Amino acid sequence: MNKKWAIKRITINLASVESEKLERYCAMTGRPATDVIRELIRSLALTELSASEQTTPTLKYDVPILK
């Protein structure tokens, strides 16, 4: 395995409208959902966290990688 990619499997629950929108976008662009989702995640803007936010986890998620 290429060490460049540390793989973590994530599961995400989508409403049917969201799932259909993702599928249509992937069909239109010819790109797999995993690539689209990775690009969206990379485009997220992050701001500095306060000290309390850095020490207290507030989110837990399980997002599936679509193929």
PDB file of N, CA and C in Angstrom:
ATOM      1  N   MET A   1       0.842  -1.188   0.000  1.00  0.00           N
ATOM      2  CA  MET A   1       0.000   0.000   0.000  1.00  0.00           C
ATOM      3  C   MET A   1       0.884   1.248   0.000  1.00  0.00           C
ATOM      4  N   ASN A   2       0.492   2.231  -0.758  1.00  0.00           N
ATOM      5  CA  ASN A   2       1.204   3.491  -0.823  1.00  0.00           C
ATOM      6  C   ASN A   2       1.037   4.229   0.503  1.00  0.00           C
ATOM      7  N   LYS A   3       2.147   4.589   1.142  1.00  0.00           N
ATOM      8  CA  LYS A   3       2.082   5.261   2.441  1.00  0.00           C
ATOM      9  C   LYS A   3       1.527   6.669   2.330  1.00  0.00           C
ATOM     10  N   LYS A   4       1.426   7.199   1.110  1.00  0.00           N
ATOM     11  CA  LYS A   4       0.864   8.538   0.923  1.00  0.00           C
ATOM     12  C   LYS A   4      -0.584   8.584   1.404  1.00  0.00           C
ATOM     13  N   TRP A   5      -1.319   7.498   1.231  1.00  0.00           N
ATOM     14  CA  TRP A   5      -2.731   7.462   1.598  1.00  0.00           C
ATOM     15  C   TRP A   5      -2.916   6.638   2.860  1.00  0.00           C
ATOM     16  N   ALA A   6      -3.200   7.276   3.970  1.00  0.00           N
ATOM     17  CA  ALA A   6      -3.601   6.572   5.180  1.00  0.00           C
ATOM     18  C   ALA A   6      -5.115   6.435   5.073  1.00  0.00           C
ATOM     19  N   ILE A   7      -5.586   5.226   4.997  1.00  0.00           N
ATOM     20  CA  ILE A   7      -7.011   5.007   4.724  1.00  0.00           C
ATOM     21  C   ILE A   7      -7.812   4.907   6.000  1.00  0.00           C
ATOM     22  N   LYS A   8      -8.916   5.625   6.031  1.00  0.00           N
ATOM     23  CA  LYS A   8      -9.874   5.547   7.121  1.00  0.00           C
ATOM     24  C   LYS A   8     -11.251   5.467   6.479  1.00  0.00           C
ATOM     25  N   ARG A   9     -11.965   4.414   6.764  1.00  0.00           N
ATOM     26  CA  ARG A   9     -13.303   4.237   6.207  1.00  0.00           C
ATOM     27  C   ARG A   9     -14.290   5.019   7.053  1.00  0.00           C
ATOM     28  N   ILE A  10     -15.159   5.746   6.390  1.00  0.00           N
ATOM     29  CA  ILE A  10     -16.152   6.579   7.056  1.00  0.00           C
ATOM     30  C   ILE A  10     -17.524   6.237   6.480  1.00  0.00           C
ATOM     31  N   THR A  11     -18.556   6.276   7.321  1.00  0.00           N
ATOM     32  CA  THR A  11     -19.926   6.029   6.877  1.00  0.00           C
ATOM     33  C   THR A  11     -20.739   7.303   7.072  1.00  0.00           C
ATOM     34  N   ILE A  12     -21.540   7.655   6.082  1.00  0.00           N
ATOM     35  CA  ILE A  12     -22.377   8.855   6.169  1.00  0.00           C
ATOM     36  C   ILE A  12     -23.811   8.488   5.810  1.00  0.00           C
ATOM     37  N   ASN A  13     -24.746   9.059   6.532  1.00  0.00           N
ATOM     38  CA  ASN A  13     -26.156   8.862   6.240  1.00  0.00           C
ATOM     39  C   ASN A  13     -26.643  10.068   5.447  1.00  0.00           C
ATOM     40  N   LEU A  14     -27.194   9.814   4.279  1.00  0.00           N
ATOM     41  CA  LEU A  14     -27.713  10.881   3.434  1.00  0.00           C
ATOM     42  C   LEU A  14     -29.210  10.701   3.244  1.00  0.00           C
ATOM     43  N   ALA A  15     -29.906  11.809   3.174  1.00  0.00           N
ATOM     44  CA  ALA A  15     -31.314  11.766   2.796  1.00  0.00           C
ATOM     45  C   ALA A  15     -31.365  11.334   1.333  1.00  0.00           C
ATOM     46  N   SER A  16     -32.477  10.783   0.908  1.00  0.00           N
ATOM     47  CA  SER A  16     -32.569  10.295  -0.470  1.00  0.00           C
ATOM     48  C   SER A  16     -32.319  11.416  -1.476  1.00  0.00           C
ATOM     49  N   VAL A  17     -32.750  12.619  -1.162  1.00  0.00           N
ATOM     50  CA  VAL A  17     -32.531  13.755  -2.067  1.00  0.00           C
ATOM     51  C   VAL A  17     -31.033  14.046  -2.185  1.00  0.00           C
ATOM     52  N   GLU A  18     -30.321  13.982  -1.067  1.00  0.00           N
ATOM     53  CA  GLU A  18     -28.874  14.223  -1.074  1.00  0.00           C
ATOM     54  C   GLU A  18     -28.142  13.135  -1.844  1.00  0.00           C
ATOM     55  N   SER A  19     -28.543  11.895  -1.607  1.00  0.00           N
ATOM     56  CA  SER A  19     -27.921  10.770  -2.298  1.00  0.00           C
ATOM     57  C   SER A  19     -28.140  10.867  -3.809  1.00  0.00           C
ATOM     58  N   GLU A  20     -29.358  11.196  -4.206  1.00  0.00           N
ATOM     59  CA  GLU A  20     -29.667  11.339  -5.633  1.00  0.00           C
ATOM     60  C   GLU A  20     -28.872  12.482  -6.253  1.00  0.00           C
ATOM     61  N   LYS A  21     -28.719  13.564  -5.518  1.00  0.00           N
ATOM     62  CA  LYS A  21     -27.959  14.716  -6.027  1.00  0.00           C
ATOM     63  C   LYS A  21     -26.499  14.326  -6.229  1.00  0.00           C
ATOM     64  N   LEU A  22     -25.922  13.609  -5.265  1.00  0.00           N
ATOM     65  CA  LEU A  22     -24.544  13.154  -5.387  1.00  0.00           C
ATOM     66  C   LEU A  22     -24.393  12.212  -6.581  1.00  0.00           C
ATOM     67  N   GLU A  23     -25.317  11.269  -6.715  1.00  0.00           N
ATOM     68  CA  GLU A  23     -25.262  10.322  -7.826  1.00  0.00           C
ATOM     69  C   GLU A  23     -25.382  11.036  -9.175  1.00  0.00           C
ATOM     70  N   ARG A  24     -26.282  12.012  -9.273  1.00  0.00           N
ATOM     71  CA  ARG A  24     -26.440  12.771 -10.533  1.00  0.00           C
ATOM     72  C   ARG A  24     -25.172  13.553 -10.846  1.00  0.00           C
ATOM     73  N   TYR A  25     -24.595  14.179  -9.827  1.00  0.00           N
ATOM     74  CA  TYR A  25     -23.374  14.954 -10.039  1.00  0.00           C
ATOM     75  C   TYR A  25     -22.249  14.045 -10.529  1.00  0.00           C
ATOM     76  N   CYS A  26     -22.114  12.887  -9.893  1.00  0.00           N
ATOM     77  CA  CYS A  26     -21.071  11.941 -10.289  1.00  0.00           C
ATOM     78  C   CYS A  26     -21.287  11.448 -11.716  1.00  0.00           C
ATOM     79  N   ALA A  27     -22.530  11.194 -12.086  1.00  0.00           N
ATOM     80  CA  ALA A  27     -22.837  10.749 -13.443  1.00  0.00           C
ATOM     81  C   ALA A  27     -22.517  11.850 -14.456  1.00  0.00           C
ATOM     82  N   MET A  28     -22.841  13.087 -14.110  1.00  0.00           N
ATOM     83  CA  MET A  28     -22.590  14.209 -15.023  1.00  0.00           C
ATOM     84  C   MET A  28     -21.106  14.469 -15.210  1.00  0.00           C
ATOM     85  N   THR A  29     -20.331  14.316 -14.149  1.00  0.00           N
ATOM     86  CA  THR A  29     -18.904  14.644 -14.210  1.00  0.00           C
ATOM     87  C   THR A  29     -18.032  13.433 -14.510  1.00  0.00           C
ATOM     88  N   GLY A  30     -18.612  12.227 -14.375  1.00  0.00           N
ATOM     89  CA  GLY A  30     -17.835  11.013 -14.595  1.00  0.00           C
ATOM     90  C   GLY A  30     -16.841  10.730 -13.481  1.00  0.00           C
ATOM     91  N   ARG A  31     -17.061  11.330 -12.330  1.00  0.00           N
ATOM     92  CA  ARG A  31     -16.148  11.164 -11.197  1.00  0.00           C
ATOM     93  C   ARG A  31     -16.785  10.282 -10.140  1.00  0.00           C
ATOM     94  N   PRO A  32     -15.973   9.484  -9.439  1.00  0.00           N
ATOM     95  CA  PRO A  32     -16.517   8.676  -8.350  1.00  0.00           C
ATOM     96  C   PRO A  32     -16.870   9.544  -7.148  1.00  0.00           C
ATOM     97  N   ALA A  33     -17.838   9.081  -6.379  1.00  0.00           N
ATOM     98  CA  ALA A  33     -18.306   9.839  -5.215  1.00  0.00           C
ATOM     99  C   ALA A  33     -17.179  10.100  -4.219  1.00  0.00           C
ATOM    100  N   THR A  34     -16.280   9.140  -4.047  1.00  0.00           N
ATOM    101  CA  THR A  34     -15.189   9.354  -3.092  1.00  0.00           C
ATOM    102  C   THR A  34     -14.341  10.557  -3.483  1.00  0.00           C
ATOM    103  N   ASP A  35     -14.087  10.730  -4.776  1.00  0.00           N
ATOM    104  CA  ASP A  35     -13.302  11.886  -5.221  1.00  0.00           C
ATOM    105  C   ASP A  35     -14.051  13.188  -4.963  1.00  0.00           C
ATOM    106  N   VAL A  36     -15.348  13.182  -5.238  1.00  0.00           N
ATOM    107  CA  VAL A  36     -16.167  14.378  -5.034  1.00  0.00           C
ATOM    108  C   VAL A  36     -16.190  14.744  -3.552  1.00  0.00           C
ATOM    109  N   ILE A  37     -16.403  13.750  -2.694  1.00  0.00           N
ATOM    110  CA  ILE A  37     -16.468  13.996  -1.257  1.00  0.00           C
ATOM    111  C   ILE A  37     -15.122  14.473  -0.730  1.00  0.00           C
ATOM    112  N   ARG A  38     -14.021  13.850  -1.179  1.00  0.00           N
ATOM    113  CA  ARG A  38     -12.687  14.300  -0.745  1.00  0.00           C
ATOM    114  C   ARG A  38     -12.452  15.759  -1.137  1.00  0.00           C
ATOM    115  N   GLU A  39     -12.836  16.112  -2.368  1.00  0.00           N
ATOM    116  CA  GLU A  39     -12.643  17.491  -2.822  1.00  0.00           C
ATOM    117  C   GLU A  39     -13.455  18.456  -1.969  1.00  0.00           C
ATOM    118  N   LEU A  40     -14.686  18.085  -1.642  1.00  0.00           N
ATOM    119  CA  LEU A  40     -15.515  18.956  -0.801  1.00  0.00           C
ATOM    120  C   LEU A  40     -14.909  19.122   0.591  1.00  0.00           C
ATOM    121  N   ILE A  41     -14.386  18.031   1.155  1.00  0.00           N
ATOM    122  CA  ILE A  41     -13.765  18.109   2.472  1.00  0.00           C
ATOM    123  C   ILE A  41     -12.523  18.988   2.423  1.00  0.00           C
ATOM    124  N   ARG A  42     -11.716  18.832   1.384  1.00  0.00           N
ATOM    125  CA  ARG A  42     -10.503  19.653   1.252  1.00  0.00           C
ATOM    126  C   ARG A  42     -10.822  21.137   1.099  1.00  0.00           C
ATOM    127  N   SER A  43     -12.004  21.448   0.567  1.00  0.00           N
ATOM    128  CA  SER A  43     -12.362  22.852   0.339  1.00  0.00           C
ATOM    129  C   SER A  43     -12.931  23.529   1.587  1.00  0.00           C
ATOM    130  N   LEU A  44     -13.129  22.776   2.662  1.00  0.00           N
ATOM    131  CA  LEU A  44     -13.684  23.358   3.880  1.00  0.00           C
ATOM    132  C   LEU A  44     -12.702  24.354   4.491  1.00  0.00           C
ATOM    133  N   ALA A  45     -13.227  25.505   4.875  1.00  0.00           N
ATOM    134  CA  ALA A  45     -12.396  26.512   5.539  1.00  0.00           C
ATOM    135  C   ALA A  45     -12.408  26.233   7.028  1.00  0.00           C
ATOM    136  N   LEU A  46     -11.233  26.216   7.624  1.00  0.00           N
ATOM    137  CA  LEU A  46     -11.121  25.987   9.057  1.00  0.00           C
ATOM    138  C   LEU A  46     -10.637  27.246   9.734  1.00  0.00           C
ATOM    139  N   THR A  47     -11.155  27.505  10.920  1.00  0.00           N
ATOM    140  CA  THR A  47     -10.701  28.650  11.714  1.00  0.00           C
ATOM    141  C   THR A  47     -10.002  28.122  12.951  1.00  0.00           C
ATOM    142  N   GLU A  48      -9.264  28.971  13.588  1.00  0.00           N
ATOM    143  CA  GLU A  48      -8.579  28.589  14.821  1.00  0.00           C
ATOM    144  C   GLU A  48      -9.614  28.193  15.866  1.00  0.00           C
ATOM    145  N   LEU A  49      -9.323  27.125  16.592  1.00  0.00           N
ATOM    146  CA  LEU A  49     -10.204  26.680  17.660  1.00  0.00           C
ATOM    147  C   LEU A  49      -9.758  27.296  18.977  1.00  0.00           C
ATOM    148  N   SER A  50     -10.744  27.574  19.837  1.00  0.00           N
ATOM    149  CA  SER A  50     -10.395  28.056  21.168  1.00  0.00           C
ATOM    150  C   SER A  50      -9.751  26.915  21.941  1.00  0.00           C
ATOM    151  N   ALA A  51      -9.112  27.219  23.045  1.00  0.00           N
ATOM    152  CA  ALA A  51      -8.436  26.196  23.852  1.00  0.00           C
ATOM    153  C   ALA A  51      -9.416  25.128  24.303  1.00  0.00           C
ATOM    154  N   SER A  52     -10.636  25.504  24.684  1.00  0.00           N
ATOM    155  CA  SER A  52     -11.611  24.513  25.145  1.00  0.00           C
ATOM    156  C   SER A  52     -12.068  23.611  23.998  1.00  0.00           C
ATOM    157  N   GLU A  53     -12.188  24.144  22.806  1.00  0.00           N
ATOM    158  CA  GLU A  53     -12.582  23.327  21.653  1.00  0.00           C
ATOM    159  C   GLU A  53     -11.476  22.354  21.266  1.00  0.00           C
ATOM    160  N   GLN A  54     -10.231  22.733  21.476  1.00  0.00           N
ATOM    161  CA  GLN A  54      -9.113  21.874  21.132  1.00  0.00           C
ATOM    162  C   GLN A  54      -9.019  20.680  22.066  1.00  0.00           C
ATOM    163  N   THR A  55      -9.442  20.833  23.314  1.00  0.00           N
ATOM    164  CA  THR A  55      -9.302  19.751  24.288  1.00  0.00           C
ATOM    165  C   THR A  55     -10.577  18.941  24.464  1.00  0.00           C
ATOM    166  N   THR A  56     -11.716  19.464  24.010  1.00  0.00           N
ATOM    167  CA  THR A  56     -12.984  18.766  24.167  1.00  0.00           C
ATOM    168  C   THR A  56     -13.547  18.416  22.808  1.00  0.00           C
ATOM    169  N   PRO A  57     -13.496  17.121  22.424  1.00  0.00           N
ATOM    170  CA  PRO A  57     -14.069  16.755  21.134  1.00  0.00           C
ATOM    171  C   PRO A  57     -15.579  16.964  21.148  1.00  0.00           C
ATOM    172  N   THR A  58     -16.095  17.584  20.092  1.00  0.00           N
ATOM    173  CA  THR A  58     -17.529  17.852  20.040  1.00  0.00           C
ATOM    174  C   THR A  58     -18.225  17.087  18.926  1.00  0.00           C
ATOM    175  N   LEU A  59     -17.478  16.542  17.987  1.00  0.00           N
ATOM    176  CA  LEU A  59     -18.097  15.843  16.875  1.00  0.00           C
ATOM    177  C   LEU A  59     -17.628  14.398  16.814  1.00  0.00           C
ATOM    178  N   LYS A  60     -18.555  13.531  16.512  1.00  0.00           N
ATOM    179  CA  LYS A  60     -18.204  12.150  16.217  1.00  0.00           C
ATOM    180  C   LYS A  60     -18.976  11.795  14.968  1.00  0.00           C
ATOM    181  N   TYR A  61     -18.291  11.214  13.991  1.00  0.00           N
ATOM    182  CA  TYR A  61     -18.970  10.914  12.744  1.00  0.00           C
ATOM    183  C   TYR A  61     -18.486   9.603  12.175  1.00  0.00           C
ATOM    184  N   ASP A  62     -19.348   9.016  11.375  1.00  0.00           N
ATOM    185  CA  ASP A  62     -19.036   7.773  10.696  1.00  0.00           C
ATOM    186  C   ASP A  62     -19.573   7.943   9.283  1.00  0.00           C
ATOM    187  N   VAL A  63     -18.710   8.298   8.340  1.00  0.00           N
ATOM    188  CA  VAL A  63     -19.124   8.617   6.985  1.00  0.00           C
ATOM    189  C   VAL A  63     -18.666   7.549   6.003  1.00  0.00           C
ATOM    190  N   PRO A  64     -19.594   6.885   5.245  1.00  0.00           N
ATOM    191  CA  PRO A  64     -19.153   5.841   4.314  1.00  0.00           C
ATOM    192  C   PRO A  64     -18.534   6.442   3.070  1.00  0.00           C
ATOM    193  N   ILE A  65     -17.563   5.785   2.562  1.00  0.00           N
ATOM    194  CA  ILE A  65     -16.946   6.196   1.324  1.00  0.00           C
ATOM    195  C   ILE A  65     -17.678   5.500   0.196  1.00  0.00           C
ATOM    196  N   LEU A  66     -18.268   6.281  -0.682  1.00  0.00           N
ATOM    197  CA  LEU A  66     -19.039   5.733  -1.783  1.00  0.00           C
ATOM    198  C   LEU A  66     -18.146   5.414  -2.946  1.00  0.00           C
ATOM    199  N   LYS A  67     -18.429   4.331  -3.637  1.00  0.00           N
ATOM    200  CA  LYS A  67     -17.632   3.952  -4.796  1.00  0.00           C
ATOM    201  C   LYS A  67     -18.443   4.047  -6.048  1.00  0.00           C
TER     202      LYS A  67
END
